[in-house]
Amino acid sequence: MVKNTTGGSKAKGQARKFTNVPSSQKLRISDNEFELYAQVSALLGNGMCHVLCIDGIQRLCHIRGKFRGRGKRDNIIGRGSWLLIGLREWESQDVSTLKKGKFQNCDLLEVYSENDKEKLKNTVKINWSSFVDNDKKNTNTEKNEEEFEFTNEESEEYASLIEAQASTQNTNMIVVDNDEIINVDDI
């Protein structure tokens, strides 16, 4: 550990052991049949989440301690995050339990950032269309079609007069106070 030369309150927390040295991190790619790419579909709490894997199966992902606490800073997991998960090969893959609504367990191995997603699409030749579609759904900010308009009788009357005048300008007509329409060409 580095010698504390600065002194003072809680100076030990500023020691070199807690700093993040920028390094050229290599993109981790699946190199095993038990490692799959997945996307978070729901966060459950207690270090677990539901993930939709690239093979189309919904699984229960356990977030390891490495990605929690202090390690959470650079590995923020949210809905729609892309992950590399590891299947638990030592657990039984009984099909009857999966039909009862129980999910197959898996562990989190890697969290991909936005830059890593682009690198991953370019390096690994898999059909990423389901993940990309889910990303578009999660970031879609369409306006709601039901918009409210607050008006009163005076503003509605004013708007109708403006519309009537705009429609009569092309035909050389004038609207008089008592709702008479006068044609200017007749005068």
N, C-alpha and C. Protein backbone atom coordinates (compact mmCIF):
# COMPACT_ATOMS: atom_id res chain seq x y z
N MET A 1 0.84 -1.17 0.00
CA MET A 1 0.00 0.00 0.00
C MET A 1 0.89 1.24 0.00
N VAL A 2 0.43 2.29 -0.58
CA VAL A 2 1.18 3.53 -0.70
C VAL A 2 1.21 4.24 0.64
N LYS A 3 2.36 4.84 0.95
CA LYS A 3 2.50 5.57 2.20
C LYS A 3 1.66 6.84 2.15
N ASN A 4 0.93 7.09 3.23
CA ASN A 4 0.07 8.27 3.31
C ASN A 4 0.94 9.47 3.69
N THR A 5 1.24 10.32 2.71
CA THR A 5 2.06 11.50 2.97
C THR A 5 1.21 12.75 3.13
N THR A 6 -0.05 12.69 2.70
CA THR A 6 -0.89 13.89 2.78
C THR A 6 -1.51 14.05 4.15
N GLY A 7 -1.80 12.98 4.85
CA GLY A 7 -2.40 13.05 6.18
C GLY A 7 -3.82 13.55 6.13
N GLY A 8 -4.38 13.79 7.30
CA GLY A 8 -5.73 14.33 7.38
C GLY A 8 -6.78 13.26 7.52
N SER A 9 -8.00 13.71 7.62
CA SER A 9 -9.13 12.83 7.85
C SER A 9 -9.45 12.03 6.59
N LYS A 10 -9.58 10.75 6.74
CA LYS A 10 -9.97 9.84 5.67
C LYS A 10 -9.04 9.90 4.46
N ALA A 11 -7.78 10.21 4.67
CA ALA A 11 -6.84 10.29 3.56
C ALA A 11 -6.49 8.91 3.04
N LYS A 12 -6.66 7.90 3.88
CA LYS A 12 -6.34 6.55 3.44
C LYS A 12 -7.26 6.13 2.29
N GLY A 13 -8.47 6.65 2.25
CA GLY A 13 -9.40 6.34 1.18
C GLY A 13 -8.95 6.86 -0.16
N GLN A 14 -7.99 7.79 -0.15
CA GLN A 14 -7.49 8.36 -1.40
C GLN A 14 -6.26 7.63 -1.89
N ALA A 15 -5.91 6.55 -1.26
CA ALA A 15 -4.73 5.80 -1.66
C ALA A 15 -4.91 5.22 -3.06
N ARG A 16 -3.83 4.75 -3.61
CA ARG A 16 -3.82 4.29 -4.99
C ARG A 16 -4.67 3.05 -5.22
N LYS A 17 -4.98 2.34 -4.16
CA LYS A 17 -5.71 1.08 -4.34
C LYS A 17 -7.14 1.28 -4.85
N PHE A 18 -7.70 2.49 -4.71
CA PHE A 18 -9.07 2.72 -5.12
C PHE A 18 -9.18 3.49 -6.44
N THR A 19 -8.08 3.87 -7.03
CA THR A 19 -8.16 4.64 -8.27
C THR A 19 -8.31 3.70 -9.45
N ASN A 20 -8.97 4.18 -10.46
CA ASN A 20 -9.13 3.40 -11.68
C ASN A 20 -8.11 3.88 -12.69
N VAL A 21 -7.19 3.03 -13.03
CA VAL A 21 -6.18 3.36 -14.02
C VAL A 21 -6.78 3.10 -15.39
N PRO A 22 -6.83 4.12 -16.25
CA PRO A 22 -7.40 3.88 -17.57
C PRO A 22 -6.55 2.88 -18.34
N SER A 23 -7.17 1.84 -18.78
CA SER A 23 -6.46 0.82 -19.54
C SER A 23 -7.26 0.51 -20.79
N SER A 24 -6.59 -0.02 -21.76
CA SER A 24 -7.27 -0.38 -22.99
C SER A 24 -7.94 -1.74 -22.77
N GLN A 25 -9.19 -1.70 -22.38
CA GLN A 25 -9.90 -2.93 -22.09
C GLN A 25 -10.29 -3.62 -23.38
N LYS A 26 -10.04 -4.88 -23.43
CA LYS A 26 -10.36 -5.68 -24.59
C LYS A 26 -11.83 -6.11 -24.51
N LEU A 27 -12.48 -6.15 -25.63
CA LEU A 27 -13.88 -6.56 -25.69
C LEU A 27 -13.97 -8.05 -25.42
N ARG A 28 -14.75 -8.43 -24.43
CA ARG A 28 -14.90 -9.84 -24.10
C ARG A 28 -15.96 -10.45 -25.00
N ILE A 29 -15.60 -11.52 -25.67
CA ILE A 29 -16.48 -12.21 -26.61
C ILE A 29 -16.72 -13.62 -26.09
N SER A 30 -17.88 -14.15 -26.39
CA SER A 30 -18.22 -15.49 -25.97
C SER A 30 -17.26 -16.49 -26.61
N ASP A 31 -16.59 -17.30 -25.76
CA ASP A 31 -15.65 -18.28 -26.28
C ASP A 31 -16.01 -19.69 -25.84
N ASN A 32 -17.21 -19.86 -25.30
CA ASN A 32 -17.62 -21.14 -24.75
C ASN A 32 -19.07 -21.37 -25.15
N GLU A 33 -19.48 -22.60 -25.25
CA GLU A 33 -20.86 -22.89 -25.60
C GLU A 33 -21.82 -22.53 -24.47
N PHE A 34 -21.31 -22.38 -23.25
CA PHE A 34 -22.16 -22.04 -22.10
C PHE A 34 -22.20 -20.53 -21.85
N GLU A 35 -21.59 -19.73 -22.72
CA GLU A 35 -21.66 -18.28 -22.62
C GLU A 35 -22.56 -17.76 -23.74
N LEU A 36 -23.55 -16.97 -23.35
CA LEU A 36 -24.52 -16.44 -24.31
C LEU A 36 -24.64 -14.93 -24.16
N TYR A 37 -25.07 -14.28 -25.22
CA TYR A 37 -25.39 -12.85 -25.17
C TYR A 37 -26.85 -12.71 -24.76
N ALA A 38 -27.11 -11.71 -23.93
CA ALA A 38 -28.48 -11.52 -23.44
C ALA A 38 -28.77 -10.04 -23.28
N GLN A 39 -30.06 -9.73 -23.15
CA GLN A 39 -30.51 -8.36 -22.92
C GLN A 39 -31.47 -8.36 -21.75
N VAL A 40 -31.31 -7.39 -20.84
CA VAL A 40 -32.12 -7.34 -19.63
C VAL A 40 -33.55 -6.97 -20.00
N SER A 41 -34.50 -7.77 -19.52
CA SER A 41 -35.90 -7.46 -19.77
C SER A 41 -36.59 -6.92 -18.53
N ALA A 42 -36.12 -7.31 -17.33
CA ALA A 42 -36.71 -6.79 -16.09
C ALA A 42 -35.71 -6.92 -14.96
N LEU A 43 -35.63 -5.88 -14.13
CA LEU A 43 -34.81 -5.93 -12.93
C LEU A 43 -35.68 -6.37 -11.77
N LEU A 44 -35.22 -7.33 -10.99
CA LEU A 44 -36.03 -7.91 -9.93
C LEU A 44 -35.62 -7.46 -8.54
N GLY A 45 -34.39 -7.04 -8.35
CA GLY A 45 -33.89 -6.73 -7.02
C GLY A 45 -33.17 -7.94 -6.44
N ASN A 46 -32.52 -7.75 -5.30
CA ASN A 46 -31.73 -8.81 -4.66
C ASN A 46 -30.68 -9.39 -5.59
N GLY A 47 -30.14 -8.57 -6.48
CA GLY A 47 -29.08 -9.02 -7.37
C GLY A 47 -29.54 -9.98 -8.44
N MET A 48 -30.78 -9.84 -8.89
CA MET A 48 -31.28 -10.73 -9.94
C MET A 48 -32.03 -9.92 -10.99
N CYS A 49 -32.11 -10.48 -12.19
CA CYS A 49 -32.87 -9.85 -13.27
C CYS A 49 -33.28 -10.92 -14.27
N HIS A 50 -34.32 -10.62 -15.02
CA HIS A 50 -34.74 -11.50 -16.11
C HIS A 50 -34.03 -11.03 -17.36
N VAL A 51 -33.48 -11.97 -18.11
CA VAL A 51 -32.80 -11.63 -19.35
C VAL A 51 -33.40 -12.45 -20.50
N LEU A 52 -33.40 -11.84 -21.67
CA LEU A 52 -33.81 -12.53 -22.89
C LEU A 52 -32.54 -12.84 -23.66
N CYS A 53 -32.25 -14.11 -23.81
CA CYS A 53 -31.00 -14.53 -24.45
C CYS A 53 -31.12 -14.50 -25.97
N ILE A 54 -29.99 -14.59 -26.62
CA ILE A 54 -29.94 -14.53 -28.08
C ILE A 54 -30.65 -15.73 -28.70
N ASP A 55 -30.79 -16.83 -27.93
CA ASP A 55 -31.49 -18.01 -28.44
C ASP A 55 -32.99 -17.93 -28.22
N GLY A 56 -33.49 -16.81 -27.65
CA GLY A 56 -34.92 -16.59 -27.50
C GLY A 56 -35.51 -17.12 -26.21
N ILE A 57 -34.68 -17.57 -25.27
CA ILE A 57 -35.17 -18.14 -24.01
C ILE A 57 -35.00 -17.10 -22.90
N GLN A 58 -36.04 -16.98 -22.07
CA GLN A 58 -36.01 -16.09 -20.92
C GLN A 58 -35.33 -16.82 -19.76
N ARG A 59 -34.34 -16.18 -19.13
CA ARG A 59 -33.60 -16.79 -18.02
C ARG A 59 -33.53 -15.85 -16.84
N LEU A 60 -33.21 -16.41 -15.67
CA LEU A 60 -33.02 -15.65 -14.44
C LEU A 60 -31.53 -15.46 -14.24
N CYS A 61 -31.08 -14.21 -14.30
CA CYS A 61 -29.65 -13.90 -14.21
C CYS A 61 -29.33 -13.43 -12.79
N HIS A 62 -28.28 -13.99 -12.22
CA HIS A 62 -27.79 -13.59 -10.90
C HIS A 62 -26.62 -12.65 -11.08
N ILE A 63 -26.73 -11.46 -10.51
CA ILE A 63 -25.68 -10.45 -10.63
C ILE A 63 -24.65 -10.74 -9.55
N ARG A 64 -23.43 -11.05 -9.96
CA ARG A 64 -22.39 -11.41 -9.02
C ARG A 64 -21.91 -10.19 -8.25
N GLY A 65 -21.20 -10.43 -7.17
CA GLY A 65 -20.71 -9.36 -6.31
C GLY A 65 -19.75 -8.42 -7.00
N LYS A 66 -19.08 -8.88 -8.03
CA LYS A 66 -18.14 -8.06 -8.78
C LYS A 66 -18.84 -6.86 -9.41
N PHE A 67 -20.11 -7.01 -9.74
CA PHE A 67 -20.88 -5.97 -10.42
C PHE A 67 -21.76 -5.18 -9.46
N ARG A 68 -21.59 -5.39 -8.17
CA ARG A 68 -22.38 -4.69 -7.16
C ARG A 68 -21.45 -3.89 -6.27
N GLY A 69 -22.00 -2.95 -5.53
CA GLY A 69 -21.18 -2.18 -4.60
C GLY A 69 -20.22 -1.27 -5.34
N ARG A 70 -18.94 -1.35 -5.01
CA ARG A 70 -17.93 -0.49 -5.60
C ARG A 70 -17.77 -0.75 -7.10
N GLY A 71 -17.95 -1.99 -7.55
CA GLY A 71 -17.80 -2.32 -8.95
C GLY A 71 -18.98 -1.90 -9.81
N LYS A 72 -20.00 -1.35 -9.19
CA LYS A 72 -21.21 -0.97 -9.92
C LYS A 72 -21.01 0.28 -10.77
N ARG A 73 -20.01 1.08 -10.43
CA ARG A 73 -19.83 2.39 -11.07
C ARG A 73 -19.75 2.29 -12.59
N ASP A 74 -18.97 1.36 -13.09
CA ASP A 74 -18.79 1.24 -14.54
C ASP A 74 -19.64 0.14 -15.14
N ASN A 75 -20.43 -0.53 -14.34
CA ASN A 75 -21.24 -1.66 -14.81
C ASN A 75 -22.70 -1.47 -14.44
N ILE A 76 -23.25 -0.34 -14.80
CA ILE A 76 -24.64 -0.06 -14.44
C ILE A 76 -25.55 -0.91 -15.32
N ILE A 77 -26.41 -1.67 -14.68
CA ILE A 77 -27.32 -2.57 -15.38
C ILE A 77 -28.71 -1.97 -15.33
N GLY A 78 -29.31 -1.78 -16.49
CA GLY A 78 -30.67 -1.26 -16.58
C GLY A 78 -31.45 -2.07 -17.59
N ARG A 79 -32.70 -1.73 -17.72
CA ARG A 79 -33.54 -2.43 -18.68
C ARG A 79 -33.03 -2.14 -20.09
N GLY A 80 -32.78 -3.20 -20.85
CA GLY A 80 -32.26 -3.05 -22.20
C GLY A 80 -30.75 -3.18 -22.30
N SER A 81 -30.04 -3.34 -21.17
CA SER A 81 -28.59 -3.48 -21.21
C SER A 81 -28.21 -4.81 -21.86
N TRP A 82 -27.10 -4.79 -22.59
CA TRP A 82 -26.60 -6.00 -23.22
C TRP A 82 -25.60 -6.65 -22.29
N LEU A 83 -25.70 -7.96 -22.13
CA LEU A 83 -24.86 -8.69 -21.18
C LEU A 83 -24.27 -9.92 -21.84
N LEU A 84 -23.21 -10.42 -21.23
CA LEU A 84 -22.69 -11.74 -21.52
C LEU A 84 -22.96 -12.57 -20.28
N ILE A 85 -23.69 -13.66 -20.45
CA ILE A 85 -24.06 -14.48 -19.31
C ILE A 85 -23.45 -15.86 -19.45
N GLY A 86 -23.29 -16.51 -18.32
CA GLY A 86 -22.79 -17.87 -18.31
C GLY A 86 -23.85 -18.81 -17.78
N LEU A 87 -24.17 -19.84 -18.54
CA LEU A 87 -25.15 -20.82 -18.10
C LEU A 87 -24.55 -21.68 -17.00
N ARG A 88 -25.37 -22.13 -16.11
CA ARG A 88 -24.91 -23.01 -15.04
C ARG A 88 -24.99 -24.44 -15.54
N GLU A 89 -23.86 -24.94 -15.98
CA GLU A 89 -23.82 -26.28 -16.58
C GLU A 89 -23.97 -27.38 -15.54
N TRP A 90 -23.71 -27.07 -14.26
CA TRP A 90 -23.81 -28.07 -13.20
C TRP A 90 -25.25 -28.27 -12.74
N GLU A 91 -26.16 -27.34 -13.10
CA GLU A 91 -27.56 -27.50 -12.72
C GLU A 91 -28.29 -28.31 -13.78
N SER A 92 -29.30 -29.02 -13.35
CA SER A 92 -30.05 -29.85 -14.31
C SER A 92 -30.88 -28.95 -15.22
N GLN A 93 -30.96 -29.33 -16.46
CA GLN A 93 -31.71 -28.59 -17.46
C GLN A 93 -33.04 -29.29 -17.71
N ASP A 94 -33.76 -29.61 -16.66
CA ASP A 94 -35.00 -30.37 -16.77
C ASP A 94 -36.07 -29.53 -17.46
N VAL A 95 -36.64 -30.04 -18.52
CA VAL A 95 -37.63 -29.32 -19.30
C VAL A 95 -38.94 -29.19 -18.54
N SER A 96 -39.27 -30.15 -17.69
CA SER A 96 -40.54 -30.10 -16.96
C SER A 96 -40.58 -28.95 -15.97
N THR A 97 -39.45 -28.60 -15.36
CA THR A 97 -39.45 -27.46 -14.43
C THR A 97 -39.56 -26.14 -15.18
N LEU A 98 -39.03 -26.08 -16.38
CA LEU A 98 -39.13 -24.85 -17.16
C LEU A 98 -40.55 -24.59 -17.62
N LYS A 99 -41.34 -25.64 -17.80
CA LYS A 99 -42.73 -25.47 -18.23
C LYS A 99 -43.60 -24.94 -17.09
N LYS A 100 -43.19 -25.14 -15.85
CA LYS A 100 -43.99 -24.69 -14.71
C LYS A 100 -43.80 -23.20 -14.41
N GLY A 101 -43.06 -22.49 -15.24
CA GLY A 101 -42.87 -21.07 -15.03
C GLY A 101 -41.57 -20.74 -14.33
N LYS A 102 -40.76 -21.74 -14.03
CA LYS A 102 -39.46 -21.49 -13.43
C LYS A 102 -38.46 -21.20 -14.53
N PHE A 103 -37.54 -20.32 -14.24
CA PHE A 103 -36.55 -19.92 -15.22
C PHE A 103 -35.24 -20.65 -14.97
N GLN A 104 -34.51 -20.87 -16.03
CA GLN A 104 -33.18 -21.45 -15.92
C GLN A 104 -32.24 -20.39 -15.35
N ASN A 105 -31.34 -20.77 -14.44
CA ASN A 105 -30.43 -19.83 -13.79
C ASN A 105 -29.19 -19.60 -14.65
N CYS A 106 -28.66 -18.38 -14.57
CA CYS A 106 -27.41 -18.05 -15.24
C CYS A 106 -26.71 -16.96 -14.43
N ASP A 107 -25.44 -16.75 -14.71
CA ASP A 107 -24.65 -15.75 -14.00
C ASP A 107 -24.18 -14.67 -14.95
N LEU A 108 -24.06 -13.45 -14.44
CA LEU A 108 -23.59 -12.32 -15.22
C LEU A 108 -22.07 -12.38 -15.33
N LEU A 109 -21.56 -12.25 -16.56
CA LEU A 109 -20.13 -12.27 -16.78
C LEU A 109 -19.57 -10.94 -17.26
N GLU A 110 -20.35 -10.20 -18.05
CA GLU A 110 -19.87 -8.95 -18.63
C GLU A 110 -21.05 -8.04 -18.93
N VAL A 111 -20.86 -6.72 -18.74
CA VAL A 111 -21.85 -5.72 -19.10
C VAL A 111 -21.25 -4.88 -20.22
N TYR A 112 -21.98 -4.75 -21.32
CA TYR A 112 -21.46 -4.01 -22.48
C TYR A 112 -21.97 -2.58 -22.46
N SER A 113 -21.06 -1.63 -22.74
CA SER A 113 -21.44 -0.22 -22.84
C SER A 113 -21.95 0.06 -24.25
N GLU A 114 -22.35 1.30 -24.51
CA GLU A 114 -22.87 1.66 -25.83
C GLU A 114 -21.79 1.49 -26.91
N ASN A 115 -20.55 1.85 -26.58
CA ASN A 115 -19.47 1.69 -27.55
C ASN A 115 -19.19 0.21 -27.81
N ASP A 116 -19.28 -0.59 -26.75
CA ASP A 116 -19.05 -2.02 -26.90
C ASP A 116 -20.12 -2.69 -27.76
N LYS A 117 -21.33 -2.16 -27.73
CA LYS A 117 -22.40 -2.73 -28.54
C LYS A 117 -22.06 -2.66 -30.02
N GLU A 118 -21.54 -1.52 -30.45
CA GLU A 118 -21.19 -1.35 -31.87
C GLU A 118 -20.04 -2.28 -32.25
N LYS A 119 -19.04 -2.38 -31.37
CA LYS A 119 -17.92 -3.28 -31.64
C LYS A 119 -18.40 -4.72 -31.71
N LEU A 120 -19.33 -5.06 -30.82
CA LEU A 120 -19.85 -6.43 -30.76
C LEU A 120 -20.62 -6.77 -32.04
N LYS A 121 -21.42 -5.82 -32.54
CA LYS A 121 -22.17 -6.06 -33.77
C LYS A 121 -21.23 -6.30 -34.96
N ASN A 122 -20.10 -5.57 -34.96
CA ASN A 122 -19.17 -5.68 -36.08
C ASN A 122 -18.31 -6.94 -36.00
N THR A 123 -17.98 -7.40 -34.80
CA THR A 123 -17.07 -8.54 -34.68
C THR A 123 -17.79 -9.88 -34.66
N VAL A 124 -18.91 -9.98 -33.94
CA VAL A 124 -19.62 -11.25 -33.82
C VAL A 124 -20.75 -11.28 -34.83
N LYS A 125 -20.73 -12.29 -35.68
CA LYS A 125 -21.73 -12.40 -36.74
C LYS A 125 -22.90 -13.26 -36.26
N ILE A 126 -23.83 -12.60 -35.54
CA ILE A 126 -25.06 -13.22 -35.05
C ILE A 126 -26.20 -12.30 -35.46
N ASN A 127 -27.40 -12.81 -35.51
CA ASN A 127 -28.57 -11.99 -35.81
C ASN A 127 -28.92 -11.15 -34.59
N TRP A 128 -28.53 -9.88 -34.60
CA TRP A 128 -28.75 -8.97 -33.48
C TRP A 128 -30.08 -8.23 -33.60
N SER A 129 -30.93 -8.58 -34.54
CA SER A 129 -32.13 -7.79 -34.83
C SER A 129 -33.08 -7.70 -33.64
N SER A 130 -33.22 -8.77 -32.86
CA SER A 130 -34.13 -8.72 -31.71
C SER A 130 -33.62 -7.75 -30.65
N PHE A 131 -32.31 -7.71 -30.43
CA PHE A 131 -31.74 -6.79 -29.45
C PHE A 131 -31.87 -5.34 -29.92
N VAL A 132 -31.62 -5.11 -31.20
CA VAL A 132 -31.70 -3.76 -31.75
C VAL A 132 -33.14 -3.26 -31.70
N ASP A 133 -34.11 -4.14 -32.02
CA ASP A 133 -35.52 -3.76 -31.94
C ASP A 133 -35.93 -3.41 -30.52
N ASN A 134 -35.46 -4.18 -29.54
CA ASN A 134 -35.76 -3.87 -28.14
C ASN A 134 -35.13 -2.56 -27.71
N ASP A 135 -33.94 -2.25 -28.22
CA ASP A 135 -33.31 -0.97 -27.92
C ASP A 135 -34.14 0.19 -28.46
N LYS A 136 -34.67 0.02 -29.67
CA LYS A 136 -35.49 1.08 -30.26
C LYS A 136 -36.78 1.27 -29.48
N LYS A 137 -37.35 0.18 -28.97
CA LYS A 137 -38.58 0.29 -28.18
C LYS A 137 -38.32 0.98 -26.86
N ASN A 138 -37.18 0.69 -26.24
CA ASN A 138 -36.86 1.27 -24.94
C ASN A 138 -36.51 2.75 -25.03
N THR A 139 -35.92 3.19 -26.16
CA THR A 139 -35.54 4.58 -26.29
C THR A 139 -36.54 5.39 -27.09
N ASN A 140 -37.66 4.81 -27.49
CA ASN A 140 -38.66 5.50 -28.30
C ASN A 140 -39.36 6.55 -27.45
N THR A 141 -39.33 7.79 -27.91
CA THR A 141 -39.96 8.89 -27.18
C THR A 141 -41.04 9.54 -28.04
N GLU A 142 -41.98 8.75 -28.49
CA GLU A 142 -43.06 9.29 -29.30
C GLU A 142 -43.99 10.13 -28.44
N LYS A 143 -44.58 11.15 -29.08
CA LYS A 143 -45.55 11.97 -28.37
C LYS A 143 -46.86 11.20 -28.23
N ASN A 144 -47.53 11.45 -27.15
CA ASN A 144 -48.82 10.83 -26.93
C ASN A 144 -49.84 11.47 -27.87
N GLU A 145 -50.65 10.66 -28.53
CA GLU A 145 -51.62 11.18 -29.50
C GLU A 145 -52.73 11.96 -28.83
N GLU A 146 -53.02 11.66 -27.60
CA GLU A 146 -54.08 12.35 -26.89
C GLU A 146 -53.51 13.59 -26.24
N GLU A 147 -53.71 14.73 -26.90
CA GLU A 147 -53.23 15.99 -26.35
C GLU A 147 -54.43 16.78 -25.85
N PHE A 148 -54.25 17.49 -24.77
CA PHE A 148 -55.31 18.28 -24.18
C PHE A 148 -55.18 19.72 -24.66
N GLU A 149 -56.32 20.32 -24.95
CA GLU A 149 -56.35 21.72 -25.33
C GLU A 149 -57.34 22.44 -24.41
N PHE A 150 -56.83 23.41 -23.68
CA PHE A 150 -57.67 24.14 -22.74
C PHE A 150 -58.18 25.41 -23.42
N THR A 151 -59.51 25.50 -23.55
CA THR A 151 -60.12 26.67 -24.21
C THR A 151 -61.34 27.11 -23.40
N ASN A 152 -61.82 28.27 -23.75
CA ASN A 152 -63.10 28.74 -23.21
C ASN A 152 -63.94 29.22 -24.39
N GLU A 153 -65.14 29.73 -24.11
CA GLU A 153 -66.05 30.12 -25.18
C GLU A 153 -65.50 31.25 -26.03
N GLU A 154 -64.82 32.21 -25.40
CA GLU A 154 -64.30 33.36 -26.14
C GLU A 154 -63.21 32.93 -27.13
N SER A 155 -62.33 32.05 -26.69
CA SER A 155 -61.25 31.64 -27.58
C SER A 155 -61.79 30.77 -28.72
N GLU A 156 -62.83 29.97 -28.46
CA GLU A 156 -63.44 29.18 -29.53
C GLU A 156 -64.13 30.08 -30.55
N GLU A 157 -64.82 31.12 -30.07
CA GLU A 157 -65.49 32.06 -30.96
C GLU A 157 -64.47 32.81 -31.81
N TYR A 158 -63.38 33.22 -31.20
CA TYR A 158 -62.32 33.93 -31.92
C TYR A 158 -61.71 33.03 -32.99
N ALA A 159 -61.47 31.77 -32.66
CA ALA A 159 -60.88 30.83 -33.63
C ALA A 159 -61.84 30.60 -34.79
N SER A 160 -63.15 30.51 -34.53
CA SER A 160 -64.10 30.30 -35.62
C SER A 160 -64.19 31.53 -36.53
N LEU A 161 -64.09 32.75 -35.96
CA LEU A 161 -64.10 33.96 -36.78
C LEU A 161 -62.86 34.03 -37.66
N ILE A 162 -61.71 33.66 -37.12
CA ILE A 162 -60.47 33.66 -37.90
C ILE A 162 -60.57 32.67 -39.06
N GLU A 163 -61.13 31.50 -38.79
CA GLU A 163 -61.28 30.49 -39.84
C GLU A 163 -62.25 30.98 -40.91
N ALA A 164 -63.35 31.62 -40.49
CA ALA A 164 -64.33 32.13 -41.46
C ALA A 164 -63.73 33.22 -42.32
N GLN A 165 -62.95 34.09 -41.71
CA GLN A 165 -62.34 35.17 -42.47
C GLN A 165 -61.29 34.62 -43.44
N ALA A 166 -60.56 33.62 -43.01
CA ALA A 166 -59.55 33.03 -43.90
C ALA A 166 -60.21 32.34 -45.08
N SER A 167 -61.35 31.72 -44.86
CA SER A 167 -62.03 31.04 -45.96
C SER A 167 -62.68 32.03 -46.93
N THR A 168 -63.07 33.20 -46.45
CA THR A 168 -63.72 34.17 -47.33
C THR A 168 -62.74 35.08 -48.02
N GLN A 169 -61.49 35.12 -47.64
CA GLN A 169 -60.52 36.01 -48.28
C GLN A 169 -60.31 35.62 -49.73
N ASN A 170 -60.37 34.39 -50.04
CA ASN A 170 -60.16 33.95 -51.42
C ASN A 170 -61.36 34.27 -52.31
N THR A 171 -62.55 34.40 -51.75
CA THR A 171 -63.75 34.63 -52.55
C THR A 171 -64.25 36.06 -52.47
N ASN A 172 -63.45 36.97 -51.92
CA ASN A 172 -63.81 38.39 -51.78
C ASN A 172 -65.10 38.56 -50.98
N MET A 173 -65.21 37.85 -49.88
CA MET A 173 -66.37 37.96 -49.02
C MET A 173 -65.94 38.58 -47.69
N ILE A 174 -66.88 39.28 -47.05
CA ILE A 174 -66.65 39.90 -45.74
C ILE A 174 -67.74 39.43 -44.80
N VAL A 175 -67.34 39.12 -43.54
CA VAL A 175 -68.30 38.72 -42.53
C VAL A 175 -68.60 39.94 -41.67
N VAL A 176 -69.88 40.26 -41.51
CA VAL A 176 -70.30 41.41 -40.73
C VAL A 176 -70.69 40.92 -39.34
N ASP A 177 -70.82 41.84 -38.38
CA ASP A 177 -71.08 41.50 -36.98
C ASP A 177 -72.31 40.60 -36.81
N ASN A 178 -73.36 40.80 -37.56
CA ASN A 178 -74.57 39.99 -37.38
C ASN A 178 -74.56 38.77 -38.29
N ASP A 179 -73.39 38.22 -38.54
CA ASP A 179 -73.17 36.98 -39.30
C ASP A 179 -73.68 37.05 -40.74
N GLU A 180 -73.72 38.26 -41.32
CA GLU A 180 -74.04 38.41 -42.73
C GLU A 180 -72.76 38.34 -43.53
N ILE A 181 -72.85 37.70 -44.67
CA ILE A 181 -71.70 37.62 -45.55
C ILE A 181 -71.97 38.52 -46.74
N ILE A 182 -71.06 39.46 -46.97
CA ILE A 182 -71.21 40.42 -48.05
C ILE A 182 -70.13 40.14 -49.09
N ASN A 183 -70.53 40.03 -50.34
CA ASN A 183 -69.58 39.83 -51.41
C ASN A 183 -69.10 41.19 -51.88
N VAL A 184 -67.80 41.41 -51.93
CA VAL A 184 -67.24 42.69 -52.31
C VAL A 184 -67.45 42.97 -53.78
N ASP A 185 -67.50 41.96 -54.60
CA ASP A 185 -67.70 42.17 -56.04
C ASP A 185 -69.09 42.70 -56.36
N ASP A 186 -70.07 42.45 -55.48
CA ASP A 186 -71.41 42.94 -55.72
C ASP A 186 -71.53 44.43 -55.42
N ILE A 187 -70.66 45.01 -54.68
CA ILE A 187 -70.80 46.41 -54.27
C ILE A 187 -70.44 47.35 -55.36
